[in-house]
């Protein structure tokens, strides 16, 4: 089975943004859900591979069965974003069929002390493996190709149309020719993205966008919102999440700017480069709108949120940055594990 990625992505995007999508009919809106930790544990699909967690063996078995590689799923037992992946994406027959035809999926618990052997032959706990793969947000998916190389990482939950694109990107070996953000942008190329279509906030700094912190540090950390016009996920961010008083109060401690990731608006980046917003987004590998990237007072990137996000996750990220938790815990996962009640 071969999908036509550019046309396929474009049609799906247009359907979703038009408000009349089949996806919406099947699963209502996959972007709208409560991200409070679940009371009940998540159940994986019965077609996930029952693995002894030797990923070298799993990869060889997948290849022997004519598959393109393996997907390692990093999750938590009560993660609402993981539930969306299981209950929305993995309930769509075409996604399930295409995934099973091309990959074996192996589940990892990011808190488990049980051992796993990665495709390079290194043995460690599942928790340490998750840290090594920098899975700040669950679900995270790491796609390994036939040679045991990482073809793509997805950190967080993505709606079905982008998840389908990720599957095709790896199965079709497009990763050998172009980055994922470039691949997706080709699917968006016939759509118009106008700056005036974006929802603005009172706390956004106006242009010109001089974000240079290479010579003199900023007084506050910096939040850069990469968005685009005709963006359903961006609309949800602004009309729901950014209307929460607690979130608005936290953003009051940041310098925040909104950039159209498709525009040629000039920007001076935190490291002092003069570049367009589009060029900067491309250089950062931004592919999902909205993507929020957080920088410290000296212009160093701390963390980014490049997938679907809701109240509890964003609040935790903002607190991680504002309390400078990254100084003692470079990994957001480690910071969260230090106080699971945050």
Protein backbone atom coordinates (compact mmCIF):
# COMPACT_ATOMS: atom_id res chain seq x y z
CA UNK A 1 0.00 0.00 0.00
CA UNK A 2 1.47 3.36 -1.03
CA UNK A 3 0.01 6.72 -0.07
CA UNK A 4 0.51 9.85 -2.15
CA UNK A 5 1.92 11.99 0.67
CA UNK A 6 1.68 15.57 -0.59
CA UNK A 7 -1.84 15.26 -2.01
CA UNK A 8 -2.91 13.05 0.88
CA UNK A 9 -1.74 15.48 3.55
CA UNK A 10 -3.20 18.46 1.72
CA UNK A 11 -6.65 16.90 1.36
CA UNK A 12 -6.67 15.88 5.00
CA UNK A 13 -5.60 19.32 6.16
CA UNK A 14 -8.27 20.97 4.05
CA UNK A 15 -10.91 18.63 5.39
CA UNK A 16 -9.94 19.28 9.00
CA UNK A 17 -9.78 23.06 8.61
CA UNK A 18 -13.05 23.19 6.69
CA UNK A 19 -14.89 21.80 9.70
CA UNK A 20 -16.47 19.02 7.66
CA UNK A 21 -13.95 16.25 7.98
CA UNK A 22 -14.63 12.56 8.12
CA UNK A 23 -12.13 12.51 10.98
CA UNK A 24 -14.32 14.83 12.98
CA UNK A 25 -17.30 12.58 12.32
CA UNK A 26 -15.39 9.52 13.49
CA UNK A 27 -13.73 10.94 16.59
CA UNK A 28 -15.29 14.37 17.09
CA UNK A 29 -12.34 16.74 17.55
CA UNK A 30 -9.11 14.84 18.32
CA UNK A 31 -7.49 18.06 19.57
CA UNK A 32 -10.03 18.70 22.33
CA UNK A 33 -9.72 16.63 25.50
CA UNK A 34 -8.98 16.98 29.20
CA UNK A 35 -5.34 16.33 30.11
CA UNK A 36 -5.94 15.52 33.79
CA UNK A 37 -4.09 12.26 34.62
CA UNK A 38 -6.38 9.29 34.08
CA UNK A 39 -7.91 7.24 36.87
CA UNK A 40 -7.83 4.04 34.84
CA UNK A 41 -4.77 2.60 33.18
CA UNK A 42 -4.45 2.67 29.41
CA UNK A 43 -4.88 -0.52 27.43
CA UNK A 44 -2.61 -1.00 24.42
CA UNK A 45 -4.06 -2.44 21.23
CA UNK A 46 -3.82 -6.22 21.13
CA UNK A 47 -1.76 -5.97 17.93
CA UNK A 48 1.15 -4.28 19.71
CA UNK A 49 4.02 -6.74 19.74
CA UNK A 50 4.54 -8.90 22.80
CA UNK A 51 8.24 -8.23 23.14
CA UNK A 52 11.03 -9.55 25.35
CA UNK A 53 12.42 -6.00 24.98
CA UNK A 54 15.43 -6.95 22.95
CA UNK A 55 14.91 -4.43 20.19
CA UNK A 56 17.66 -5.90 18.05
CA UNK A 57 15.68 -9.15 17.85
CA UNK A 58 12.42 -7.25 17.37
CA UNK A 59 13.87 -5.33 14.44
CA UNK A 60 15.21 -8.45 12.74
CA UNK A 61 11.88 -10.22 13.18
CA UNK A 62 10.02 -7.24 11.72
CA UNK A 63 12.30 -7.21 8.67
CA UNK A 64 11.92 -10.97 8.22
CA UNK A 65 8.17 -10.38 8.05
CA UNK A 66 8.57 -7.81 5.28
CA UNK A 67 8.17 -4.70 7.41
CA UNK A 68 10.04 -1.41 7.14
CA UNK A 69 11.21 -1.24 10.75
CA UNK A 70 9.88 -0.84 14.27
CA UNK A 71 8.18 1.89 16.25
CA UNK A 72 9.07 2.19 19.93
CA UNK A 73 6.18 3.72 21.84
CA UNK A 74 7.13 5.51 25.08
CA UNK A 75 4.12 5.97 27.32
CA UNK A 76 2.70 6.24 30.80
CA UNK A 77 -0.11 4.19 32.28
CA UNK A 78 -2.38 7.15 33.04
CA UNK A 79 -1.37 9.60 30.32
CA UNK A 80 -4.39 11.30 28.66
CA UNK A 81 -2.33 12.14 25.56
CA UNK A 82 -1.45 8.45 25.23
CA UNK A 83 -5.13 7.62 25.47
CA UNK A 84 -5.82 9.90 22.52
CA UNK A 85 -3.28 7.98 20.46
CA UNK A 86 -4.90 4.67 21.43
CA UNK A 87 -8.54 5.74 21.26
CA UNK A 88 -8.44 8.08 18.27
CA UNK A 89 -5.51 7.34 15.95
CA UNK A 90 -5.32 3.62 16.62
CA UNK A 91 -9.08 3.22 16.23
CA UNK A 92 -8.99 4.35 12.59
CA UNK A 93 -8.85 1.30 10.32
CA UNK A 94 -6.58 2.83 7.67
CA UNK A 95 -4.02 3.94 10.27
CA UNK A 96 -4.05 0.54 11.94
CA UNK A 97 -3.73 -1.28 8.62
CA UNK A 98 -0.88 0.89 7.36
CA UNK A 99 0.96 0.74 10.69
CA UNK A 100 0.72 -3.04 10.95
CA UNK A 101 1.75 -3.53 7.33
CA UNK A 102 4.93 -1.51 7.76
CA UNK A 103 5.97 -1.65 11.41
CA UNK A 104 5.94 -3.62 14.62
CA UNK A 105 5.10 -1.45 17.63
CA UNK A 106 6.83 -2.10 20.96
CA UNK A 107 5.67 -0.39 24.16
CA UNK A 108 8.02 1.12 26.75
CA UNK A 109 6.97 2.44 30.17
CA UNK A 110 9.03 5.58 30.82
CA UNK A 111 9.08 4.92 34.60
CA UNK A 112 9.80 1.18 34.52
CA UNK A 113 13.02 -0.23 36.05
CA UNK A 114 12.75 -3.30 33.80
CA UNK A 115 15.57 -3.75 31.29
CA UNK A 116 15.47 -3.14 27.55
CA UNK A 117 18.15 -3.65 24.90
CA UNK A 118 18.12 -0.93 22.26
CA UNK A 119 18.80 -1.54 18.53
CA UNK A 120 22.48 -0.70 19.07
CA UNK A 121 22.82 -3.47 21.66
CA UNK A 122 22.92 -1.26 24.78
CA UNK A 123 21.05 -2.59 27.80
CA UNK A 124 19.48 -0.24 30.34
CA UNK A 125 16.25 0.29 32.26
CA UNK A 126 13.20 1.43 30.34
CA UNK A 127 13.33 4.65 32.37
CA UNK A 128 16.94 5.31 31.34
CA UNK A 129 16.14 4.45 27.74
CA UNK A 130 13.33 7.03 27.78
CA UNK A 131 15.74 9.61 29.18
CA UNK A 132 18.32 8.73 26.54
CA UNK A 133 15.70 9.27 23.83
CA UNK A 134 14.69 12.62 25.40
CA UNK A 135 11.05 11.69 25.59
CA UNK A 136 9.97 14.78 27.52
CA UNK A 137 6.35 14.21 26.62
CA UNK A 138 4.29 11.06 26.28
CA UNK A 139 3.35 9.52 24.01
CA UNK A 140 6.69 9.65 22.24
CA UNK A 141 7.36 7.47 19.22
CA UNK A 142 10.80 6.60 17.89
CA UNK A 143 10.86 5.08 14.40
CA UNK A 144 13.80 2.79 13.65
CA UNK A 145 14.57 1.87 10.05
CA UNK A 146 15.88 -1.45 8.74
CA UNK A 147 19.46 -0.52 9.72
CA UNK A 148 18.52 0.33 13.29
CA UNK A 149 18.89 4.05 12.68
CA UNK A 150 16.39 6.59 13.99
CA UNK A 151 14.29 7.81 11.07
CA UNK A 152 11.91 10.04 13.03
CA UNK A 153 10.96 11.01 16.56
CA UNK A 154 7.52 12.27 17.54
CA UNK A 155 7.26 13.80 21.00
CA UNK A 156 3.69 14.16 22.19
CA UNK A 157 0.30 13.52 20.62
CA UNK A 158 -0.43 14.40 16.99
CA UNK A 159 -3.85 14.27 15.34
CA UNK A 160 -4.57 11.54 12.79
CA UNK A 161 -3.76 13.47 9.60
CA UNK A 162 -0.23 14.30 10.81
CA UNK A 163 0.28 10.87 12.30
CA UNK A 164 -0.59 9.33 8.94
CA UNK A 165 1.97 11.61 7.31
CA UNK A 166 4.63 10.49 9.78
CA UNK A 167 3.96 6.84 8.98
CA UNK A 168 4.26 7.48 5.24
CA UNK A 169 7.36 9.65 5.74
CA UNK A 170 9.24 6.74 7.31
CA UNK A 171 7.72 3.82 5.38
CA UNK A 172 8.38 5.63 2.09
CA UNK A 173 11.96 6.43 3.17
CA UNK A 174 11.40 10.14 2.62
CA UNK A 175 13.59 10.75 5.70
CA UNK A 176 16.59 9.85 3.56
CA UNK A 177 15.93 12.85 1.31
CA UNK A 178 14.36 15.57 3.44
CA UNK A 179 13.50 16.62 6.95
CA UNK A 180 10.00 16.01 8.24
CA UNK A 181 9.14 19.72 8.36
CA UNK A 182 10.10 20.07 4.68
CA UNK A 183 8.05 17.01 3.80
CA UNK A 184 4.96 18.40 5.53
CA UNK A 185 5.47 21.87 4.09
CA UNK A 186 5.16 20.43 0.57
CA UNK A 187 1.69 19.27 1.54
CA UNK A 188 0.83 22.79 2.68
CA UNK A 189 2.34 24.55 -0.32
CA UNK A 190 -0.91 25.30 -2.15
CA UNK A 191 -2.62 26.76 0.91
CA UNK A 192 -2.44 30.44 1.82
CA UNK A 193 -1.17 31.35 5.26
CA UNK A 194 -1.85 34.99 6.06
CA UNK A 195 -0.53 36.70 9.18
CA UNK A 196 -3.84 38.43 9.78
CA UNK A 197 -5.55 35.05 10.10
CA UNK A 198 -3.67 34.38 13.33
CA UNK A 199 -5.18 35.08 16.75
CA UNK A 200 -3.06 37.55 18.70
CA UNK A 201 -2.68 38.00 22.45
CA UNK A 202 -2.21 41.16 24.49
CA UNK A 203 1.02 39.79 25.97
CA UNK A 204 2.67 39.29 22.56
CA UNK A 205 5.45 41.79 21.84
CA UNK A 206 4.91 43.83 18.66
CA UNK A 207 7.35 43.88 15.74
CA UNK A 208 10.14 44.52 14.95
CA UNK A 209 11.23 41.16 16.38
CA UNK A 210 14.66 41.77 17.87
CA UNK A 211 15.14 38.73 20.09
CA UNK A 212 18.93 39.03 20.29
CA UNK A 213 20.32 37.90 23.65
CA UNK A 214 23.85 37.13 22.45
CA UNK A 215 25.32 40.42 23.69
CA UNK A 216 23.08 41.35 26.59
CA UNK A 217 20.86 38.90 28.47
CA UNK A 218 17.12 39.44 28.58
CA UNK A 219 15.33 40.33 31.77
CA UNK A 220 12.91 37.42 31.43
CA UNK A 221 12.78 34.08 29.63
CA UNK A 222 11.50 34.14 26.06
CA UNK A 223 8.55 32.22 24.59
CA UNK A 224 8.29 32.07 20.78
CA UNK A 225 4.95 30.98 19.33
CA UNK A 226 5.36 29.57 15.81
CA UNK A 227 1.91 29.54 14.23
CA UNK A 228 0.19 29.87 10.85
CA UNK A 229 -3.09 31.04 9.44
CA UNK A 230 -6.07 28.69 8.99
CA UNK A 231 -4.77 26.65 11.91
CA UNK A 232 -7.39 24.80 13.93
CA UNK A 233 -4.93 23.75 16.65
CA UNK A 234 -3.76 27.38 16.97
CA UNK A 235 -7.36 28.54 17.38
CA UNK A 236 -7.88 26.03 20.19
CA UNK A 237 -4.70 27.23 21.90
CA UNK A 238 -5.93 30.82 21.90
CA UNK A 239 -9.63 30.35 22.56
CA UNK A 240 -9.28 27.73 25.28
CA UNK A 241 -5.84 27.27 26.81
CA UNK A 242 -4.66 30.89 26.72
CA UNK A 243 -7.97 32.04 28.19
CA UNK A 244 -7.14 30.24 31.45
CA UNK A 245 -6.20 32.83 34.12
CA UNK A 246 -3.46 30.63 35.57
CA UNK A 247 -1.81 30.27 32.16
CA UNK A 248 -2.14 33.97 31.40
CA UNK A 249 -0.53 34.81 34.74
CA UNK A 250 2.45 32.54 34.04
CA UNK A 251 2.99 34.02 30.59
CA UNK A 252 3.12 37.41 32.28
CA UNK A 253 6.60 36.42 33.47
CA UNK A 254 7.83 35.81 29.90
CA UNK A 255 8.67 37.91 26.91
CA UNK A 256 6.45 36.35 24.24
CA UNK A 257 6.33 36.79 20.49
CA UNK A 258 4.12 35.26 17.81
CA UNK A 259 5.64 34.41 14.42
CA UNK A 260 3.99 33.14 11.27
CA UNK A 261 6.12 30.11 10.46
CA UNK A 262 5.38 30.59 6.72
CA UNK A 263 6.15 34.30 6.53
CA UNK A 264 9.14 36.33 5.38
CA UNK A 265 8.86 38.71 8.34
CA UNK A 266 12.37 39.66 9.51
CA UNK A 267 13.59 38.38 12.86
CA UNK A 268 16.79 38.76 14.83
CA UNK A 269 17.09 35.41 16.61
CA UNK A 270 18.23 34.96 20.21
CA UNK A 271 21.74 34.17 18.97
CA UNK A 272 21.86 37.36 16.92
CA UNK A 273 21.18 36.07 13.39
CA UNK A 274 19.14 38.17 10.94
CA UNK A 275 16.71 35.83 9.21
CA UNK A 276 13.09 35.49 8.14
CA UNK A 277 10.53 33.81 10.35
CA UNK A 278 10.14 31.04 7.77
CA UNK A 279 13.88 30.43 7.53
CA UNK A 280 14.21 30.35 11.30
CA UNK A 281 11.33 27.90 11.65
CA UNK A 282 12.89 25.68 8.99
CA UNK A 283 16.31 25.78 10.65
CA UNK A 284 14.71 24.76 13.95
CA UNK A 285 12.84 21.91 12.28
CA UNK A 286 9.43 23.31 13.24
CA UNK A 287 6.66 21.31 11.56
CA UNK A 288 3.66 21.53 13.89
CA UNK A 289 1.55 24.63 14.45
CA UNK A 290 1.45 25.84 17.11
CA UNK A 291 4.97 25.10 18.34
CA UNK A 292 6.15 26.93 21.46
CA UNK A 293 9.91 27.22 22.00
CA UNK A 294 11.28 28.56 25.27
CA UNK A 295 14.65 30.27 25.62
CA UNK A 296 16.51 31.38 28.75
CA UNK A 297 17.74 34.90 29.41
CA UNK A 298 20.92 34.18 27.44
CA UNK A 299 19.11 32.87 24.38
CA UNK A 300 19.68 29.15 24.96
CA UNK A 301 16.76 26.88 24.05
CA UNK A 302 15.37 25.20 27.15
CA UNK A 303 12.44 23.15 25.89
CA UNK A 304 9.85 23.13 23.14
CA UNK A 305 6.24 22.03 22.93
CA UNK A 306 5.68 20.82 19.37
CA UNK A 307 2.55 18.71 19.69
CA UNK A 308 -0.96 18.95 21.08
CA UNK A 309 -0.89 20.56 24.52
CA UNK A 310 -3.47 21.35 27.17
CA UNK A 311 -3.62 22.92 30.62
CA UNK A 312 -1.68 20.61 32.92
CA UNK A 313 1.16 19.91 30.51
CA UNK A 314 1.64 23.56 29.54
CA UNK A 315 1.43 24.72 33.14
CA UNK A 316 4.15 22.24 34.08
CA UNK A 317 6.38 23.39 31.22
CA UNK A 318 5.95 27.05 32.17
CA UNK A 319 6.81 26.29 35.79
CA UNK A 320 9.82 24.23 34.70
CA UNK A 321 11.16 27.26 32.85
CA UNK A 322 10.22 29.93 35.39
CA UNK A 323 11.62 28.03 38.39
CA UNK A 324 14.77 27.24 36.39
CA UNK A 325 14.19 23.56 37.00
CA UNK A 326 16.32 22.88 33.94
CA UNK A 327 19.45 23.94 35.85
CA UNK A 328 19.17 21.00 38.27
CA UNK A 329 17.25 18.70 35.92
CA UNK A 330 18.22 19.13 32.23
CA UNK A 331 15.51 16.60 31.41
CA UNK A 332 11.90 17.67 31.89
CA UNK A 333 11.12 14.00 32.61
CA UNK A 334 13.64 13.96 35.49
CA UNK A 335 12.24 17.20 36.85
CA UNK A 336 8.75 15.72 36.80
CA UNK A 337 9.93 12.51 38.46
CA UNK A 338 11.54 14.53 41.27
CA UNK A 339 8.07 15.62 42.31
CA UNK A 340 5.34 13.56 40.66
CA UNK A 341 2.75 15.76 42.40
CA UNK A 342 3.70 18.86 40.41
